[in-house]
Amino acid sequence: MLIARLVPENNIEMAIKAYMESCSKELLVIVGNYESPYGQKMRELAEGDSRIIFQGEYMTRSN
């Protein structure tokens, strides 16, 4: 599971590429805003690999 802002400085692209090269049968679940331009780019990169799932943003309520 990867929980992060989907921005270049968080190296999401490197994580996705490394995972795609692996033989892992486990899922890679990515939690973050995939509707941003960079998030869309990451979804396109992962397209076709059914082991990679984008869950969207995780927001917490502030008290």
C-alpha atoms as a PDB file:
ATOM      1  CA  MET A   1       0.000   0.000   0.000  1.00  0.00           C
ATOM      2  CA  LEU A   2       1.258   3.438  -0.889  1.00  0.00           C
ATOM      3  CA  ILE A   3      -0.376   6.457   0.747  1.00  0.00           C
ATOM      4  CA  ALA A   4       0.976   9.783  -0.492  1.00  0.00           C
ATOM      5  CA  ARG A   5       0.317  13.001  -2.322  1.00  0.00           C
ATOM      6  CA  LEU A   6       0.684  12.044  -5.967  1.00  0.00           C
ATOM      7  CA  VAL A   7       3.391  14.556  -6.844  1.00  0.00           C
ATOM      8  CA  PRO A   8       6.728  13.974  -8.640  1.00  0.00           C
ATOM      9  CA  GLU A   9       8.883  14.602  -5.559  1.00  0.00           C
ATOM     10  CA  ASN A  10       7.315  11.565  -3.825  1.00  0.00           C
ATOM     11  CA  ASN A  11       8.775   9.228  -6.491  1.00  0.00           C
ATOM     12  CA  ILE A  12       5.450   7.520  -7.210  1.00  0.00           C
ATOM     13  CA  GLU A  13       6.576   6.831 -10.780  1.00  0.00           C
ATOM     14  CA  MET A  14       9.670   4.977  -9.560  1.00  0.00           C
ATOM     15  CA  ALA A  15       7.563   2.893  -7.148  1.00  0.00           C
ATOM     16  CA  ILE A  16       5.079   1.954  -9.878  1.00  0.00           C
ATOM     17  CA  LYS A  17       7.808   1.031 -12.372  1.00  0.00           C
ATOM     18  CA  ALA A  18       9.665  -1.092  -9.806  1.00  0.00           C
ATOM     19  CA  TYR A  19       6.448  -2.863  -8.833  1.00  0.00           C
ATOM     20  CA  MET A  20       5.546  -3.533 -12.461  1.00  0.00           C
ATOM     21  CA  GLU A  21       8.949  -5.173 -12.977  1.00  0.00           C
ATOM     22  CA  SER A  22       8.421  -7.411  -9.960  1.00  0.00           C
ATOM     23  CA  CYS A  23       6.808 -10.821 -10.031  1.00  0.00           C
ATOM     24  CA  SER A  24       4.680 -10.009  -6.995  1.00  0.00           C
ATOM     25  CA  LYS A  25       1.203 -11.464  -6.895  1.00  0.00           C
ATOM     26  CA  GLU A  26       0.204  -9.014  -4.161  1.00  0.00           C
ATOM     27  CA  LEU A  27      -1.775  -5.898  -5.021  1.00  0.00           C
ATOM     28  CA  LEU A  28      -0.275  -2.432  -4.972  1.00  0.00           C
ATOM     29  CA  VAL A  29      -2.960  -0.118  -3.634  1.00  0.00           C
ATOM     30  CA  ILE A  30      -2.205   3.568  -4.172  1.00  0.00           C
ATOM     31  CA  VAL A  31      -4.118   6.076  -2.063  1.00  0.00           C
ATOM     32  CA  GLY A  32      -3.885   9.667  -3.265  1.00  0.00           C
ATOM     33  CA  ASN A  33      -5.445  12.235  -5.586  1.00  0.00           C
ATOM     34  CA  TYR A  34      -5.236  10.463  -8.926  1.00  0.00           C
ATOM     35  CA  GLU A  35      -7.420  13.105 -10.612  1.00  0.00           C
ATOM     36  CA  SER A  36      -4.548  15.622 -10.700  1.00  0.00           C
ATOM     37  CA  PRO A  37      -2.506  15.864 -13.924  1.00  0.00           C
ATOM     38  CA  TYR A  38       0.369  13.916 -12.330  1.00  0.00           C
ATOM     39  CA  GLY A  39      -2.075  11.372 -10.870  1.00  0.00           C
ATOM     40  CA  GLN A  40      -3.549  10.830 -14.341  1.00  0.00           C
ATOM     41  CA  LYS A  41      -0.047  10.290 -15.705  1.00  0.00           C
ATOM     42  CA  MET A  42       0.550   7.645 -13.026  1.00  0.00           C
ATOM     43  CA  ARG A  43      -2.723   5.896 -13.865  1.00  0.00           C
ATOM     44  CA  GLU A  44      -1.709   5.805 -17.525  1.00  0.00           C
ATOM     45  CA  LEU A  45       1.685   4.366 -16.560  1.00  0.00           C
ATOM     46  CA  ALA A  46       0.022   1.592 -14.537  1.00  0.00           C
ATOM     47  CA  GLU A  47      -2.672   0.926 -17.138  1.00  0.00           C
ATOM     48  CA  GLY A  48      -2.837  -2.728 -18.060  1.00  0.00           C
ATOM     49  CA  ASP A  49      -1.405  -4.009 -14.762  1.00  0.00           C
ATOM     50  CA  SER A  50      -4.417  -5.356 -12.870  1.00  0.00           C
ATOM     51  CA  ARG A  51      -2.333  -5.675  -9.687  1.00  0.00           C
ATOM     52  CA  ILE A  52      -2.253  -1.868  -9.305  1.00  0.00           C
ATOM     53  CA  ILE A  53      -5.331  -0.222  -7.825  1.00  0.00           C
ATOM     54  CA  PHE A  54      -5.881   3.516  -7.356  1.00  0.00           C
ATOM     55  CA  GLN A  55      -8.205   4.231  -4.429  1.00  0.00           C
ATOM     56  CA  GLY A  56      -8.384   8.019  -4.552  1.00  0.00           C
ATOM     57  CA  GLU A  57      -7.847  10.565  -1.806  1.00  0.00           C
ATOM     58  CA  TYR A  58      -7.978   9.830   1.883  1.00  0.00           C
ATOM     59  CA  MET A  59      -9.306  12.739   3.915  1.00  0.00           C
ATOM     60  CA  THR A  60      -9.558  12.995   7.680  1.00  0.00           C
ATOM     61  CA  ARG A  61     -11.918  15.231   9.582  1.00  0.00           C
ATOM     62  CA  SER A  62     -10.346  17.888  11.764  1.00  0.00           C
ATOM     63  CA  ASN A  63     -11.742  18.499  15.216  1.00  0.00           C
END
